[in-house]
Protein backbone atom coordinates (compact mmCIF):
# COMPACT_ATOMS: atom_id res chain seq x y z
CA UNK A 1 61.98 117.79 66.62
CA UNK A 2 60.97 116.33 69.99
CA UNK A 3 57.30 115.68 69.36
CA UNK A 4 57.01 112.10 70.59
CA UNK A 5 53.86 110.18 69.71
CA UNK A 6 50.37 111.31 70.65
CA UNK A 7 49.36 109.97 74.09
CA UNK A 8 52.24 107.48 73.89
CA UNK A 9 52.50 107.08 77.67
CA UNK A 10 48.81 106.42 78.31
CA UNK A 11 48.33 104.24 75.22
CA UNK A 12 51.07 101.88 76.32
CA UNK A 13 50.32 102.04 80.06
CA UNK A 14 53.87 103.08 80.95
CA UNK A 15 53.18 104.77 84.30
CA UNK A 16 51.85 103.28 87.52
CA UNK A 17 49.74 105.25 90.01
CA UNK A 18 52.80 106.71 91.78
CA UNK A 19 54.21 108.05 88.52
CA UNK A 20 50.87 109.47 87.39
CA UNK A 21 50.57 111.33 90.69
CA UNK A 22 54.17 112.56 90.45
CA UNK A 23 53.56 113.69 86.86
CA UNK A 24 50.66 115.87 88.01
CA UNK A 25 52.90 117.50 90.63
CA UNK A 26 55.67 117.96 88.07
CA UNK A 27 53.32 119.60 85.59
CA UNK A 28 52.22 122.05 88.29
CA UNK A 29 55.87 122.82 89.07
CA UNK A 30 56.56 123.79 85.46
CA UNK A 31 55.15 127.26 86.15
CA UNK A 32 58.29 128.01 88.17
CA UNK A 33 60.74 126.50 85.68
CA UNK A 34 62.23 127.84 82.47
CA UNK A 35 63.77 124.61 81.21
CA UNK A 36 63.80 120.87 81.85
CA UNK A 37 66.68 118.56 80.99
CA UNK A 38 65.37 115.15 79.98
CA UNK A 39 68.26 112.76 80.58
CA UNK A 40 69.16 109.12 80.05
CA UNK A 41 72.32 107.08 80.50
CA UNK A 42 74.01 105.81 77.36
CA UNK A 43 75.72 102.39 77.41
CA UNK A 44 78.84 104.04 78.84
CA UNK A 45 76.87 105.42 81.79
CA UNK A 46 77.22 109.01 80.56
CA UNK A 47 74.25 111.36 80.88
CA UNK A 48 72.81 112.33 77.49
CA UNK A 49 70.10 114.97 77.43
CA UNK A 50 67.90 117.38 75.57
CA UNK A 51 66.89 120.64 77.20
CA UNK A 52 63.27 121.63 76.61
CA UNK A 53 61.34 124.73 77.50
CA UNK A 54 58.85 124.20 80.29
CA UNK A 55 55.96 124.54 77.83
CA UNK A 56 57.44 121.96 75.47
CA UNK A 57 57.95 119.57 78.37
CA UNK A 58 54.21 119.63 79.14
CA UNK A 59 53.65 117.80 75.87
CA UNK A 60 56.44 115.34 76.66
CA UNK A 61 54.56 114.35 79.83
CA UNK A 62 51.90 112.89 77.54
CA UNK A 63 53.68 111.97 74.33
CA UNK A 64 57.26 111.22 75.32
CA UNK A 65 60.12 112.72 73.31
CA UNK A 66 61.71 111.51 70.08
CA UNK A 67 65.45 110.95 70.37
CA UNK A 68 68.18 109.98 67.94
CA UNK A 69 69.83 106.57 68.50
CA UNK A 70 73.26 108.22 68.28
CA UNK A 71 74.25 107.63 71.93
CA UNK A 72 73.87 103.88 71.38
CA UNK A 73 76.20 103.69 68.37
CA UNK A 74 79.32 105.62 69.45
CA UNK A 75 82.16 104.28 71.57
CA UNK A 76 83.83 106.41 74.26
CA UNK A 77 85.78 108.34 71.60
CA UNK A 78 82.72 108.97 69.41
CA UNK A 79 83.73 106.40 66.81
CA UNK A 80 80.82 104.56 65.20
CA UNK A 81 80.80 101.03 66.58
CA UNK A 82 77.21 99.98 65.89
CA UNK A 83 75.76 100.84 62.48
CA UNK A 84 71.97 100.75 62.44
CA UNK A 85 71.85 101.81 58.77
CA UNK A 86 73.03 98.48 57.29
CA UNK A 87 71.50 94.99 57.41
CA UNK A 88 72.77 93.22 60.50
CA UNK A 89 73.71 96.53 62.08
CA UNK A 90 70.53 96.53 64.09
CA UNK A 91 71.97 93.73 66.26
CA UNK A 92 68.92 91.54 65.92
CA UNK A 93 66.17 94.12 66.47
CA UNK A 94 64.31 94.96 63.26
CA UNK A 95 62.93 98.23 64.62
CA UNK A 96 66.46 99.60 65.06
CA UNK A 97 67.29 99.25 61.35
CA UNK A 98 67.46 102.59 59.58
CA UNK A 99 68.56 104.43 62.72
CA UNK A 100 65.12 105.82 63.43
CA UNK A 101 64.23 107.68 66.61
CA UNK A 102 63.26 105.98 69.83
CA UNK A 103 60.87 107.51 72.39
CA UNK A 104 62.23 108.84 75.68
CA UNK A 105 59.59 108.80 78.43
CA UNK A 106 60.19 110.89 81.57
CA UNK A 107 60.07 109.14 84.93
CA UNK A 108 58.34 111.80 87.06
CA UNK A 109 59.70 110.26 90.27
CA UNK A 110 63.21 111.41 89.27
CA UNK A 111 62.35 115.12 88.95
CA UNK A 112 64.81 117.46 90.66
CA UNK A 113 65.50 121.18 90.48
CA UNK A 114 69.14 121.84 89.65
CA UNK A 115 70.05 124.32 92.42
CA UNK A 116 73.23 125.48 90.70
CA UNK A 117 71.30 126.71 87.64
CA UNK A 118 69.07 129.23 89.29
CA UNK A 119 67.21 126.91 90.16
CA UNK A 120 64.86 127.36 87.21
CA UNK A 121 66.10 124.28 85.37
CA UNK A 122 64.72 120.83 86.14
CA UNK A 123 66.28 117.39 85.73
CA UNK A 124 64.25 114.31 84.86
CA UNK A 125 65.59 110.86 83.96
CA UNK A 126 63.82 109.17 81.08
CA UNK A 127 63.18 105.57 80.09
CA UNK A 128 63.91 104.53 76.52
CA UNK A 129 61.17 102.81 74.50
CA UNK A 130 60.82 101.55 70.96
CA UNK A 131 58.03 103.16 68.96
CA UNK A 132 56.03 99.97 69.47
CA UNK A 133 55.90 100.77 73.20
CA UNK A 134 58.31 97.98 74.15
CA UNK A 135 61.25 98.81 76.44
CA UNK A 136 64.34 99.63 74.40
CA UNK A 137 66.54 96.50 74.32
CA UNK A 138 69.72 98.60 74.73
CA UNK A 139 68.51 100.40 77.86
CA UNK A 140 70.48 99.67 81.02
CA UNK A 141 67.79 101.32 83.14
CA UNK A 142 65.10 99.10 81.61
CA UNK A 143 67.24 96.05 82.42
CA UNK A 144 67.70 97.04 86.06
CA UNK A 145 64.00 97.92 86.42
CA UNK A 146 63.04 94.50 85.06
CA UNK A 147 65.36 92.63 87.43
CA UNK A 148 64.18 94.65 90.43
CA UNK A 149 60.52 94.11 89.48
CA UNK A 150 61.09 90.36 89.44
CA UNK A 151 62.68 90.58 92.86
CA UNK A 152 59.72 92.56 94.20
CA UNK A 153 57.40 89.76 93.15
CA UNK A 154 59.23 87.67 95.76
CA UNK A 155 58.87 90.43 98.38
CA UNK A 156 62.57 91.23 98.11
CA UNK A 157 64.54 94.40 97.49
CA UNK A 158 68.12 94.86 96.28
CA UNK A 159 69.70 97.45 98.60
CA UNK A 160 72.80 99.34 97.48
CA UNK A 161 75.16 101.83 99.11
CA UNK A 162 77.57 103.90 97.00
CA UNK A 163 81.20 104.58 97.95
CA UNK A 164 82.84 106.60 95.17
CA UNK A 165 86.34 108.02 94.78
CA UNK A 166 87.06 110.83 92.34
CA UNK A 167 89.52 113.64 91.60
CA UNK A 168 89.17 117.37 92.06
CA UNK A 169 91.66 119.46 90.06
CA UNK A 170 91.96 123.19 89.39
CA UNK A 171 91.45 124.48 85.85
CA UNK A 172 94.35 126.62 84.62
CA UNK A 173 92.38 128.17 81.76
CA UNK A 174 88.84 129.49 81.61
CA UNK A 175 88.44 128.43 77.99
CA UNK A 176 89.07 125.32 75.92
CA UNK A 177 92.54 125.74 74.45
CA UNK A 178 93.26 122.40 72.75
CA UNK A 179 92.56 121.06 69.30
CA UNK A 180 89.00 119.89 68.67
CA UNK A 181 88.46 116.17 68.34
CA UNK A 182 86.64 114.19 65.68
CA UNK A 183 84.86 110.90 65.16
CA UNK A 184 87.09 108.45 67.01
CA UNK A 185 89.55 111.13 68.13
CA UNK A 186 89.02 112.85 71.47
CA UNK A 187 89.88 116.51 71.85
CA UNK A 188 92.55 117.61 74.27
CA UNK A 189 91.63 117.19 77.95
CA UNK A 190 91.38 120.34 80.08
CA UNK A 191 94.59 121.84 81.41
CA UNK A 192 94.60 121.39 85.18
CA UNK A 193 96.83 121.52 88.23
CA UNK A 194 96.55 119.59 91.52
CA UNK A 195 94.62 121.28 94.32
CA UNK A 196 97.05 119.90 96.93
CA UNK A 197 100.01 117.57 97.36
CA UNK A 198 97.97 114.69 98.74
CA UNK A 199 99.39 111.65 100.51
CA UNK A 200 98.11 112.56 103.95
CA UNK A 201 95.13 110.20 104.16
CA UNK A 202 92.09 111.75 105.90
CA UNK A 203 94.08 114.82 106.98
CA UNK A 204 91.50 117.36 108.09
CA UNK A 205 93.61 120.25 106.87
CA UNK A 206 93.46 118.99 103.28
CA UNK A 207 89.68 118.65 103.41
CA UNK A 208 89.31 122.06 105.03
CA UNK A 209 91.45 123.70 102.35
CA UNK A 210 88.96 122.47 99.74
CA UNK A 211 85.96 123.92 101.60
CA UNK A 212 85.44 126.76 99.06
CA UNK A 213 84.56 124.04 96.54
CA UNK A 214 83.23 121.30 98.79
CA UNK A 215 80.74 123.50 100.67
CA UNK A 216 78.73 124.63 97.61
CA UNK A 217 79.10 121.18 96.07
CA UNK A 218 77.73 119.28 99.06
CA UNK A 219 74.95 121.83 99.60
CA UNK A 220 73.82 121.30 96.03
CA UNK A 221 74.02 117.52 96.29
CA UNK A 222 71.86 117.46 99.40
CA UNK A 223 69.44 119.93 97.78
CA UNK A 224 69.13 117.36 94.99
CA UNK A 225 67.94 114.83 97.61
CA UNK A 226 71.04 112.70 97.16
CA UNK A 227 71.59 110.76 100.42
CA UNK A 228 75.14 111.99 101.01
CA UNK A 229 76.66 110.58 104.21
CA UNK A 230 80.35 111.44 104.28
CA UNK A 231 83.18 113.28 102.54
CA UNK A 232 86.85 112.49 103.04
CA UNK A 233 90.22 113.17 101.46
CA UNK A 234 91.84 110.03 100.09
CA UNK A 235 95.53 109.51 99.34
CA UNK A 236 96.04 111.18 95.96
CA UNK A 237 96.29 114.94 95.31
CA UNK A 238 92.70 116.19 95.50
CA UNK A 239 91.37 112.62 95.61
CA UNK A 240 88.03 112.54 97.43
CA UNK A 241 85.64 109.85 98.57
CA UNK A 242 81.89 110.46 98.87
CA UNK A 243 79.62 107.85 100.44
CA UNK A 244 75.84 107.63 100.27
CA UNK A 245 73.20 105.96 102.43
CA UNK A 246 71.74 102.67 101.17
CA UNK A 247 68.90 102.90 98.65
CA UNK A 248 66.85 100.55 96.53
CA UNK A 249 68.89 99.63 93.47
CA UNK A 250 67.13 101.75 90.83
CA UNK A 251 67.22 104.80 93.10
CA UNK A 252 70.92 104.18 93.79
CA UNK A 253 71.72 103.95 90.08
CA UNK A 254 69.77 107.15 89.40
CA UNK A 255 71.66 108.81 92.26
CA UNK A 256 75.01 107.81 90.79
CA UNK A 257 74.08 109.24 87.40
CA UNK A 258 72.99 112.52 88.97
CA UNK A 259 75.94 112.66 91.39
CA UNK A 260 78.59 112.29 88.70
CA UNK A 261 76.87 114.70 86.33
CA UNK A 262 76.12 117.40 88.90
CA UNK A 263 79.57 117.16 90.49
CA UNK A 264 81.31 117.82 87.18
CA UNK A 265 78.99 120.73 86.37
CA UNK A 266 79.21 122.36 89.80
CA UNK A 267 82.99 122.07 89.99
CA UNK A 268 83.33 123.56 86.49
CA UNK A 269 81.29 126.58 87.61
CA UNK A 270 83.77 126.99 90.47
CA UNK A 271 86.84 126.95 88.23
CA UNK A 272 87.68 123.29 88.86
CA UNK A 273 87.49 119.99 87.02
CA UNK A 274 86.03 116.84 88.55
CA UNK A 275 87.02 113.53 86.99
CA UNK A 276 85.80 110.01 87.72
CA UNK A 277 88.52 108.46 85.53
CA UNK A 278 90.09 105.63 87.54
CA UNK A 279 93.70 106.77 87.12
CA UNK A 280 94.30 110.14 85.45
CA UNK A 281 97.53 110.53 83.52
CA UNK A 282 98.90 113.12 85.93
CA UNK A 283 102.09 112.81 88.01
CA UNK A 284 101.63 111.32 91.48
CA UNK A 285 97.94 110.45 91.14
CA UNK A 286 96.61 107.30 92.82
CA UNK A 287 93.86 105.06 91.44
CA UNK A 288 90.19 105.57 92.32
CA UNK A 289 87.52 102.91 92.77
CA UNK A 290 83.77 102.60 93.12
CA UNK A 291 82.98 100.16 95.92
CA UNK A 292 79.48 98.75 95.75
CA UNK A 293 77.83 97.77 99.06
CA UNK A 294 74.95 95.37 98.50
CA UNK A 295 72.41 93.22 100.29
CA UNK A 296 68.93 91.79 99.88
CA UNK A 297 66.07 92.87 102.12
CA UNK A 298 62.50 91.76 102.74
CA UNK A 299 60.57 94.43 100.83
CA UNK A 300 57.56 94.42 103.15
CA UNK A 301 59.53 94.70 106.40
CA UNK A 302 63.04 95.92 105.54
CA UNK A 303 64.57 92.83 107.20
CA UNK A 304 68.14 92.24 106.00
CA UNK A 305 68.22 88.79 104.39
CA UNK A 306 72.02 88.60 104.62
CA UNK A 307 72.17 88.82 108.42
CA UNK A 308 73.45 85.59 109.96
CA UNK A 309 71.18 84.25 112.72
CA UNK A 310 74.09 82.91 114.78
CA UNK A 311 77.81 83.40 115.22
CA UNK A 312 78.94 80.46 113.11
CA UNK A 313 78.83 82.23 109.74
CA UNK A 314 79.56 85.68 108.37
CA UNK A 315 76.36 85.66 106.31
CA UNK A 316 72.99 83.96 106.28
CA UNK A 317 72.48 81.03 103.91
CA UNK A 318 70.93 83.43 101.39
CA UNK A 319 73.88 85.78 101.76
CA UNK A 320 76.43 83.00 101.29
CA UNK A 321 74.69 81.78 98.15
CA UNK A 322 74.49 85.33 96.79
CA UNK A 323 78.21 85.73 97.52
CA UNK A 324 78.93 82.47 95.69
CA UNK A 325 77.06 83.71 92.63
CA UNK A 326 79.15 86.87 92.57
CA UNK A 327 82.32 84.78 92.74
CA UNK A 328 81.12 82.37 90.05
CA UNK A 329 80.45 85.19 87.58
CA UNK A 330 83.33 87.47 88.61
CA UNK A 331 85.26 87.30 85.34
CA UNK A 332 82.14 87.47 83.15
CA UNK A 333 80.88 90.54 85.03
CA UNK A 334 84.19 92.41 84.99
CA UNK A 335 83.35 94.50 81.92
CA UNK A 336 80.18 95.72 83.63
CA UNK A 337 82.17 96.72 86.73
CA UNK A 338 85.30 98.03 84.97
CA UNK A 339 84.36 99.13 81.43
CA UNK A 340 87.43 101.17 80.37
CA UNK A 341 91.00 100.45 79.28
CA UNK A 342 92.22 102.68 82.09
CA UNK A 343 90.20 101.02 84.87
CA UNK A 344 92.29 97.85 84.81
CA UNK A 345 95.44 99.72 85.84
CA UNK A 346 94.00 99.85 89.34
CA UNK A 347 93.85 96.04 89.40
CA UNK A 348 97.37 95.49 88.09
CA UNK A 349 98.86 94.87 91.52
CA UNK A 350 100.61 98.22 91.65
CA UNK A 351 97.95 99.77 93.87
CA UNK A 352 97.23 98.63 97.40
CA UNK A 353 93.78 97.45 98.44
CA UNK A 354 92.59 96.86 94.87
CA UNK A 355 91.62 93.28 94.02
CA UNK A 356 93.37 91.13 91.44
CA UNK A 357 92.03 87.67 92.35
CA UNK A 358 88.60 86.03 92.59
CA UNK A 359 88.44 85.84 96.37
CA UNK A 360 86.28 86.82 99.31
CA UNK A 361 87.13 87.63 102.86
CA UNK A 362 85.66 88.99 106.04
CA UNK A 363 86.78 92.60 106.45
CA UNK A 364 89.89 92.31 104.21
CA UNK A 365 90.13 95.31 101.89
CA UNK A 366 92.36 93.39 99.49
CA UNK A 367 89.62 90.96 98.49
CA UNK A 368 87.36 91.27 95.46
CA UNK A 369 84.38 90.71 97.78
CA UNK A 370 84.55 91.92 101.37
CA UNK A 371 81.90 90.81 103.86
CA UNK A 372 81.03 93.33 106.56
CA UNK A 373 78.92 92.61 109.63
CA UNK A 374 78.40 89.89 112.20
CA UNK A 375 75.60 87.65 113.37
CA UNK A 376 72.54 89.67 114.25
CA UNK A 377 73.94 92.81 112.59
CA UNK A 378 71.17 94.41 110.50
CA UNK A 379 73.80 96.25 108.41
CA UNK A 380 75.50 93.05 107.18
CA UNK A 381 76.36 93.29 103.50
CA UNK A 382 78.82 92.41 100.72
CA UNK A 383 81.20 95.00 99.28
CA UNK A 384 82.38 94.63 95.68
CA UNK A 385 85.78 96.33 95.51
CA UNK A 386 86.46 95.74 91.81
CA UNK A 387 84.35 98.50 90.25
CA UNK A 388 85.67 101.75 88.80
CA UNK A 389 83.95 105.16 89.09
CA UNK A 390 83.32 105.26 85.31
CA UNK A 391 81.02 102.23 85.35
CA UNK A 392 77.49 102.48 83.99
CA UNK A 393 75.50 102.33 87.26
CA UNK A 394 72.55 100.47 85.75
CA UNK A 395 74.71 97.78 84.18
CA UNK A 396 77.02 97.49 87.19
CA UNK A 397 74.10 96.94 89.57
CA UNK A 398 72.15 94.72 87.18
CA UNK A 399 75.17 92.51 86.61
CA UNK A 400 75.76 92.09 90.34
CA UNK A 401 72.11 91.41 91.14
CA UNK A 402 71.78 88.81 88.40
CA UNK A 403 74.96 87.01 89.46
CA UNK A 404 73.99 86.97 93.12
CA UNK A 405 70.49 85.70 92.44
CA UNK A 406 71.92 82.97 90.23
CA UNK A 407 73.97 81.82 93.20
CA UNK A 408 70.86 81.79 95.39
CA UNK A 409 68.80 79.86 92.86
CA UNK A 410 71.54 77.28 92.24
CA UNK A 411 72.34 76.99 95.97
CA UNK A 412 76.04 77.65 95.32
CA UNK A 413 78.60 77.66 98.13
CA UNK A 414 81.39 80.27 98.21
CA UNK A 415 84.04 78.08 99.83
CA UNK A 416 86.27 79.34 102.60
CA UNK A 417 87.38 82.98 102.81
CA UNK A 418 90.85 83.64 101.44
CA UNK A 419 93.63 83.99 104.00
CA UNK A 420 95.60 85.94 101.37
CA UNK A 421 93.37 87.60 98.74
CA UNK A 422 96.42 88.05 96.48
CA UNK A 423 97.42 84.37 96.54
CA UNK A 424 98.52 83.52 93.00
CA UNK A 425 96.88 80.11 93.33
CA UNK A 426 93.49 81.86 93.24
CA UNK A 427 91.80 82.52 89.88
CA UNK A 428 92.78 85.89 88.44
CA UNK A 429 90.32 88.64 87.63
CA UNK A 430 90.63 89.94 84.05
CA UNK A 431 93.84 91.93 83.68
CA UNK A 432 92.64 94.19 80.90
CA UNK A 433 89.61 95.27 78.92
CA UNK A 434 90.37 92.69 76.23
CA UNK A 435 90.20 89.81 78.70
CA UNK A 436 87.01 91.24 80.22
CA UNK A 437 85.41 91.60 76.79
CA UNK A 438 86.30 88.01 75.89
CA UNK A 439 84.88 86.73 79.19
CA UNK A 440 81.59 88.54 78.61
CA UNK A 441 81.46 87.35 74.99
CA UNK A 442 81.80 83.74 76.16
CA UNK A 443 79.14 84.05 78.86
CA UNK A 444 75.82 82.45 77.96
CA UNK A 445 74.57 83.59 81.37
CA UNK A 446 75.07 87.30 80.73
CA UNK A 447 73.88 87.05 77.14
CA UNK A 448 70.58 85.83 78.58
CA UNK A 449 70.52 88.40 81.41
CA UNK A 450 71.39 91.38 79.23
CA UNK A 451 69.54 90.13 76.18
CA UNK A 452 71.45 89.35 72.99
CA UNK A 453 71.06 92.88 71.53
CA UNK A 454 72.50 94.68 74.57
CA UNK A 455 75.29 92.12 74.98
CA UNK A 456 76.24 92.50 71.32
CA UNK A 457 76.06 96.30 71.53
CA UNK A 458 78.42 96.38 74.52
CA UNK A 459 80.86 94.01 72.84
CA UNK A 460 80.94 96.11 69.67
CA UNK A 461 81.44 99.32 71.62
CA UNK A 462 84.31 97.88 73.65
CA UNK A 463 85.91 96.21 70.63
CA UNK A 464 85.95 99.60 68.89
CA UNK A 465 87.46 101.26 71.96
CA UNK A 466 90.16 98.59 72.19
CA UNK A 467 90.89 98.77 68.47
CA UNK A 468 91.57 102.50 68.68
CA UNK A 469 93.76 102.04 71.77
CA UNK A 470 95.90 99.30 70.22
CA UNK A 471 96.22 101.34 67.01
CA UNK A 472 97.52 104.26 69.05
CA UNK A 473 99.99 101.98 70.83
CA UNK A 474 101.25 100.63 67.52
CA UNK A 475 101.71 104.10 66.10
CA UNK A 476 103.65 105.71 68.92
CA UNK A 477 106.87 105.03 70.76
CA UNK A 478 105.18 106.36 73.89
CA UNK A 479 103.00 103.29 74.37
CA UNK A 480 104.50 102.44 77.77
CA UNK A 481 102.26 99.89 79.48
CA UNK A 482 103.68 100.79 82.90
CA UNK A 483 102.27 104.32 82.78
CA UNK A 484 98.93 105.89 81.91
CA UNK A 485 99.08 106.72 78.23
CA UNK A 486 98.30 110.03 76.57
CA UNK A 487 95.50 108.18 74.76
CA UNK A 488 93.84 107.14 78.02
CA UNK A 489 94.05 110.61 79.51
CA UNK A 490 92.50 112.15 76.39
CA UNK A 491 89.87 109.43 76.17
CA UNK A 492 88.52 109.53 79.73
CA UNK A 493 89.72 112.48 81.83
CA UNK A 494 87.28 115.07 80.47
CA UNK A 495 84.39 112.82 79.44
CA UNK A 496 84.20 111.02 82.77
């Protein structure tokens, strides 16, 4: 059942005036909808949803919707990693013991009509709450909202632009033809073939050949009010890059969740498969990244707080301190930027223009942090080039914002830009998910930022994922570290 709790939203004062006004408009729009998908991002950044009839959703606009805690307990292969049914399994939150429902509350500001469904199906992102009315301690969206609210109190805004690479492949079968999976065992990934030969960077002919898919895809994305700016063909076969105009951080994270979800669904309707896996286990494929462009702005005026006032520095004092915070927490934040086993292959040194060292530079695409802009340039910002397209957008952005603000508050200095961002004398970024997990586990800073329950949840999920991967390696002669494994391809290619 999805009954929620009577007048849950009003009783706990969960909506501000903007959301109450948007809820009234949404309720009026229900007359032209058949269904509404109420969605939230699990710890892996995957969209989990329930589809309700329009009439049922009217009640949800007052009461919220009950939801199972299942999405918080399973790792990427659906193995149970967090057990809320046993003492200690609730990771320090008494209300989670017993695996009872939480309440999912729609954010009316996120309402969209899904144009590729009719468009008589709506999409609304929800916020997770405990039954006490407190924000759910395992919610990435609640974390990012809290950090952004604190920033707003200082008349500041965290501004983010998305630059995302992903793969378009052609399905060779209309129906699922593999063996089903199980708890901790992924089913077979879809059978696909490349849409082109690739390796003609930005060649217009390659992009044009994909127009039968790209045209309906981009029309739908813009109809969803996603601020799409550009589309280009990258190096790999069918490897594409989509960029989006800067947005406030919470809006940007919501956009990433909707973009990934809608892109996969639209491409599937067109006989294709979209994957945001960093490096699919397919011959000749290149690695994909998610570059995060970030700055701070004066909320009341829009003034870019990273813009240097003179020509002596690449960034303002605030920008340099923010940059230093990102550098200081680079290893600890890696799991939030690159959360999968597969994502670290991109950073192994075998792929050009992917970072492997804790370094910053002006304009260099090989650096972990690339500064773009010049004195007086209102578009000055910092680009994080470590992230992978699978990352949970709320955790990725929250981790970056917290690290940068820590640098500002502690008045850290970033040092000189690296002449060679691959210099082996520089500190190394984590080389695998195990190193990233250990760095996060040792970080008192991120345990405080995330909260102990969310930090522990993430560590358990990733430990489970790693345990299954190493068990597969031990049990097969095909565990070749130099190539993407069958396990990785099954684990991530379809799901992401």
